[in-house]
Amino acid sequence: MIFEFLISKRPVSLQTKNRTNLQAWKNFVYAEAAKTWTGTLNTTKDTHITLVYLCDEDPVDADNIIKPIQDALVGLIYADDLLVTDVECHRRPLKGATDITQWPALLIKAIALGDECVYVRISKAKPLENYL
């Protein structure tokens, strides 16, 4: 299973004091994923999430965008976020020298749009030794 989608909006930090804004962000993430998700609810462990946050100046901390996105996908992609065993998150500037030749097409599209966004890819986790 590989599923990818784009959240075409600046992410909201888990640390925000505005809890209403955080819930609105989670709802937005869910809606964006639901636009293209055609799979069934994953109920098995070993799920890997990759996030790439393309940012402008004054970015959100990368570690603070993981949990809201992960939580937003519960009930659509997977039954519980406990099923997520591997997470990687990358933050890169929208502007600057970047070799995009090996990037996925959706991520190339995102950088071409020029707005802050988060690329999300969900796949089956590999054995731990493949990451070490």
C-alpha atoms as a PDB file:
ATOM      1  CA  MET A   1       0.000   0.000   0.000  1.00  0.00           C
ATOM      2  CA  ILE A   2       1.280   3.431  -0.931  1.00  0.00           C
ATOM      3  CA  PHE A   3      -1.021   6.409  -0.613  1.00  0.00           C
ATOM      4  CA  GLU A   4       0.018  10.014  -1.060  1.00  0.00           C
ATOM      5  CA  PHE A   5      -1.775  13.314  -0.914  1.00  0.00           C
ATOM      6  CA  LEU A   6      -1.034  16.989  -0.548  1.00  0.00           C
ATOM      7  CA  ILE A   7      -2.215  19.317   2.199  1.00  0.00           C
ATOM      8  CA  SER A   8      -2.102  22.660   0.422  1.00  0.00           C
ATOM      9  CA  LYS A   9      -2.047  24.829   3.500  1.00  0.00           C
ATOM     10  CA  ARG A  10       0.404  25.936   6.191  1.00  0.00           C
ATOM     11  CA  PRO A  11       0.352  23.293   8.957  1.00  0.00           C
ATOM     12  CA  VAL A  12      -0.886  24.023  12.456  1.00  0.00           C
ATOM     13  CA  SER A  13       1.411  23.147  15.343  1.00  0.00           C
ATOM     14  CA  LEU A  14       0.392  20.747  18.069  1.00  0.00           C
ATOM     15  CA  GLN A  15       1.612  23.463  20.444  1.00  0.00           C
ATOM     16  CA  THR A  16      -0.930  26.067  19.316  1.00  0.00           C
ATOM     17  CA  LYS A  17      -2.978  27.652  22.058  1.00  0.00           C
ATOM     18  CA  ASN A  18      -5.931  27.930  19.673  1.00  0.00           C
ATOM     19  CA  ARG A  19      -7.485  24.471  20.036  1.00  0.00           C
ATOM     20  CA  THR A  20     -10.352  25.401  17.691  1.00  0.00           C
ATOM     21  CA  ASN A  21      -7.822  26.158  14.956  1.00  0.00           C
ATOM     22  CA  LEU A  22      -6.052  22.846  15.633  1.00  0.00           C
ATOM     23  CA  GLN A  23      -9.320  20.911  15.279  1.00  0.00           C
ATOM     24  CA  ALA A  24     -10.135  22.807  12.074  1.00  0.00           C
ATOM     25  CA  TRP A  25      -6.679  21.815  10.752  1.00  0.00           C
ATOM     26  CA  LYS A  26      -7.301  18.148  11.557  1.00  0.00           C
ATOM     27  CA  ASN A  27     -10.670  18.317   9.802  1.00  0.00           C
ATOM     28  CA  PHE A  28      -9.004  19.908   6.772  1.00  0.00           C
ATOM     29  CA  VAL A  29      -6.316  17.192   6.663  1.00  0.00           C
ATOM     30  CA  TYR A  30      -8.983  14.476   6.862  1.00  0.00           C
ATOM     31  CA  ALA A  31     -10.968  16.104   4.040  1.00  0.00           C
ATOM     32  CA  GLU A  32      -7.898  16.439   1.810  1.00  0.00           C
ATOM     33  CA  ALA A  33      -6.995  12.771   2.302  1.00  0.00           C
ATOM     34  CA  ALA A  34     -10.594  11.672   1.750  1.00  0.00           C
ATOM     35  CA  LYS A  35     -10.627  13.334  -1.692  1.00  0.00           C
ATOM     36  CA  THR A  36      -8.330  10.660  -3.119  1.00  0.00           C
ATOM     37  CA  TRP A  37      -8.353   7.768  -0.620  1.00  0.00           C
ATOM     38  CA  THR A  38      -9.955   4.699  -2.187  1.00  0.00           C
ATOM     39  CA  GLY A  39      -8.552   2.022   0.094  1.00  0.00           C
ATOM     40  CA  THR A  40     -10.006   0.215   3.059  1.00  0.00           C
ATOM     41  CA  LEU A  41      -9.372   1.006   6.692  1.00  0.00           C
ATOM     42  CA  ASN A  42      -5.960  -0.337   7.711  1.00  0.00           C
ATOM     43  CA  THR A  43      -6.141  -2.429  10.876  1.00  0.00           C
ATOM     44  CA  THR A  44      -2.638  -3.893  10.795  1.00  0.00           C
ATOM     45  CA  LYS A  45       0.553  -2.571  12.344  1.00  0.00           C
ATOM     46  CA  ASP A  46       3.654  -1.535  10.461  1.00  0.00           C
ATOM     47  CA  THR A  47       2.396   1.684   8.897  1.00  0.00           C
ATOM     48  CA  HIS A  48       4.987   4.244   7.776  1.00  0.00           C
ATOM     49  CA  ILE A  49       4.186   7.937   7.363  1.00  0.00           C
ATOM     50  CA  THR A  50       6.461  10.317   5.484  1.00  0.00           C
ATOM     51  CA  LEU A  51       5.821  14.064   5.711  1.00  0.00           C
ATOM     52  CA  VAL A  52       7.555  16.759   3.690  1.00  0.00           C
ATOM     53  CA  TYR A  53       6.726  20.277   4.811  1.00  0.00           C
ATOM     54  CA  LEU A  54       7.562  22.882   2.163  1.00  0.00           C
ATOM     55  CA  CYS A  55       7.821  26.145   4.053  1.00  0.00           C
ATOM     56  CA  ASP A  56       8.301  29.871   3.700  1.00  0.00           C
ATOM     57  CA  GLU A  57      10.084  31.970   6.281  1.00  0.00           C
ATOM     58  CA  ASP A  58       9.165  31.435   9.946  1.00  0.00           C
ATOM     59  CA  PRO A  59       8.240  27.752   9.590  1.00  0.00           C
ATOM     60  CA  VAL A  60       6.363  25.608  12.080  1.00  0.00           C
ATOM     61  CA  ASP A  61       8.572  23.151  14.001  1.00  0.00           C
ATOM     62  CA  ALA A  62       8.642  19.907  12.038  1.00  0.00           C
ATOM     63  CA  ASP A  63       8.151  17.742  15.121  1.00  0.00           C
ATOM     64  CA  ASN A  64       4.988  19.650  16.059  1.00  0.00           C
ATOM     65  CA  ILE A  65       3.166  18.956  12.785  1.00  0.00           C
ATOM     66  CA  ILE A  66       3.385  15.166  12.994  1.00  0.00           C
ATOM     67  CA  LYS A  67       0.802  14.359  15.663  1.00  0.00           C
ATOM     68  CA  PRO A  68      -2.089  16.476  14.317  1.00  0.00           C
ATOM     69  CA  ILE A  69      -1.695  14.959  10.842  1.00  0.00           C
ATOM     70  CA  GLN A  70      -1.359  11.463  12.257  1.00  0.00           C
ATOM     71  CA  ASP A  71      -4.472  11.954  14.425  1.00  0.00           C
ATOM     72  CA  ALA A  72      -6.486  13.397  11.531  1.00  0.00           C
ATOM     73  CA  LEU A  73      -6.141  10.193   9.516  1.00  0.00           C
ATOM     74  CA  VAL A  74      -7.627   7.925  12.204  1.00  0.00           C
ATOM     75  CA  GLY A  75     -10.862   6.401  10.966  1.00  0.00           C
ATOM     76  CA  LEU A  76     -10.031   7.007   7.306  1.00  0.00           C
ATOM     77  CA  ILE A  77      -6.617   5.475   6.597  1.00  0.00           C
ATOM     78  CA  TYR A  78      -6.041   3.455   9.756  1.00  0.00           C
ATOM     79  CA  ALA A  79      -8.196   2.398  12.687  1.00  0.00           C
ATOM     80  CA  ASP A  80      -5.846   3.818  15.329  1.00  0.00           C
ATOM     81  CA  ASP A  81      -2.643   5.844  15.163  1.00  0.00           C
ATOM     82  CA  LEU A  82      -1.078   3.152  17.338  1.00  0.00           C
ATOM     83  CA  LEU A  83      -0.755   1.251  14.038  1.00  0.00           C
ATOM     84  CA  VAL A  84       1.793   3.827  12.858  1.00  0.00           C
ATOM     85  CA  THR A  85       5.189   2.354  13.677  1.00  0.00           C
ATOM     86  CA  ASP A  86       7.449   4.638  11.615  1.00  0.00           C
ATOM     87  CA  VAL A  87       7.319   8.377  11.007  1.00  0.00           C
ATOM     88  CA  GLU A  88       9.716  10.591   9.131  1.00  0.00           C
ATOM     89  CA  CYS A  89       9.267  14.307   8.770  1.00  0.00           C
ATOM     90  CA  HIS A  90      11.281  16.682   6.611  1.00  0.00           C
ATOM     91  CA  ARG A  91      11.103  20.473   6.387  1.00  0.00           C
ATOM     92  CA  ARG A  92      12.483  22.171   3.292  1.00  0.00           C
ATOM     93  CA  PRO A  93      12.281  25.763   2.032  1.00  0.00           C
ATOM     94  CA  LEU A  94      10.145  26.512  -0.990  1.00  0.00           C
ATOM     95  CA  LYS A  95      12.874  28.731  -2.379  1.00  0.00           C
ATOM     96  CA  GLY A  96      16.486  27.772  -2.908  1.00  0.00           C
ATOM     97  CA  ALA A  97      18.629  25.289  -4.734  1.00  0.00           C
ATOM     98  CA  THR A  98      16.963  21.897  -4.606  1.00  0.00           C
ATOM     99  CA  ASP A  99      17.400  18.899  -6.860  1.00  0.00           C
ATOM    100  CA  ILE A 100      13.842  17.675  -7.401  1.00  0.00           C
ATOM    101  CA  THR A 101      14.611  15.196 -10.166  1.00  0.00           C
ATOM    102  CA  GLN A 102      13.956  12.177  -7.967  1.00  0.00           C
ATOM    103  CA  TRP A 103      11.019  13.587  -6.029  1.00  0.00           C
ATOM    104  CA  PRO A 104       7.546  12.058  -6.438  1.00  0.00           C
ATOM    105  CA  ALA A 105       5.395  13.869  -9.025  1.00  0.00           C
ATOM    106  CA  LEU A 106       2.957  15.152  -6.407  1.00  0.00           C
ATOM    107  CA  LEU A 107       5.788  16.739  -4.420  1.00  0.00           C
ATOM    108  CA  ILE A 108       7.172  18.374  -7.572  1.00  0.00           C
ATOM    109  CA  LYS A 109       3.690  19.761  -8.236  1.00  0.00           C
ATOM    110  CA  ALA A 110       3.616  21.134  -4.694  1.00  0.00           C
ATOM    111  CA  ILE A 111       6.879  23.028  -5.030  1.00  0.00           C
ATOM    112  CA  ALA A 112       5.735  24.407  -8.390  1.00  0.00           C
ATOM    113  CA  LEU A 113       2.623  25.865  -6.736  1.00  0.00           C
ATOM    114  CA  GLY A 114       4.887  27.938  -4.493  1.00  0.00           C
ATOM    115  CA  ASP A 115       2.690  27.874  -1.379  1.00  0.00           C
ATOM    116  CA  GLU A 116       3.389  26.294   1.973  1.00  0.00           C
ATOM    117  CA  CYS A 117       2.080  22.743   2.064  1.00  0.00           C
ATOM    118  CA  VAL A 118       2.668  19.275   3.432  1.00  0.00           C
ATOM    119  CA  TYR A 119       3.187  16.212   1.258  1.00  0.00           C
ATOM    120  CA  VAL A 120       2.009  13.022   2.964  1.00  0.00           C
ATOM    121  CA  ARG A 121       2.877   9.474   1.954  1.00  0.00           C
ATOM    122  CA  ILE A 122       1.599   6.437   3.799  1.00  0.00           C
ATOM    123  CA  SER A 123       3.072   3.030   3.138  1.00  0.00           C
ATOM    124  CA  LYS A 124       3.838  -0.277   4.779  1.00  0.00           C
ATOM    125  CA  ALA A 125       6.815  -0.007   7.097  1.00  0.00           C
ATOM    126  CA  LYS A 126       9.978  -1.841   6.132  1.00  0.00           C
ATOM    127  CA  PRO A 127      11.901  -4.060   8.517  1.00  0.00           C
ATOM    128  CA  LEU A 128      13.890  -1.998  11.000  1.00  0.00           C
ATOM    129  CA  GLU A 129      17.232  -3.125   9.582  1.00  0.00           C
ATOM    130  CA  ASN A 130      16.363  -1.331   6.309  1.00  0.00           C
ATOM    131  CA  TYR A 131      16.429   1.995   8.151  1.00  0.00           C
ATOM    132  CA  LEU A 132      19.602   1.432  10.153  1.00  0.00           C
END
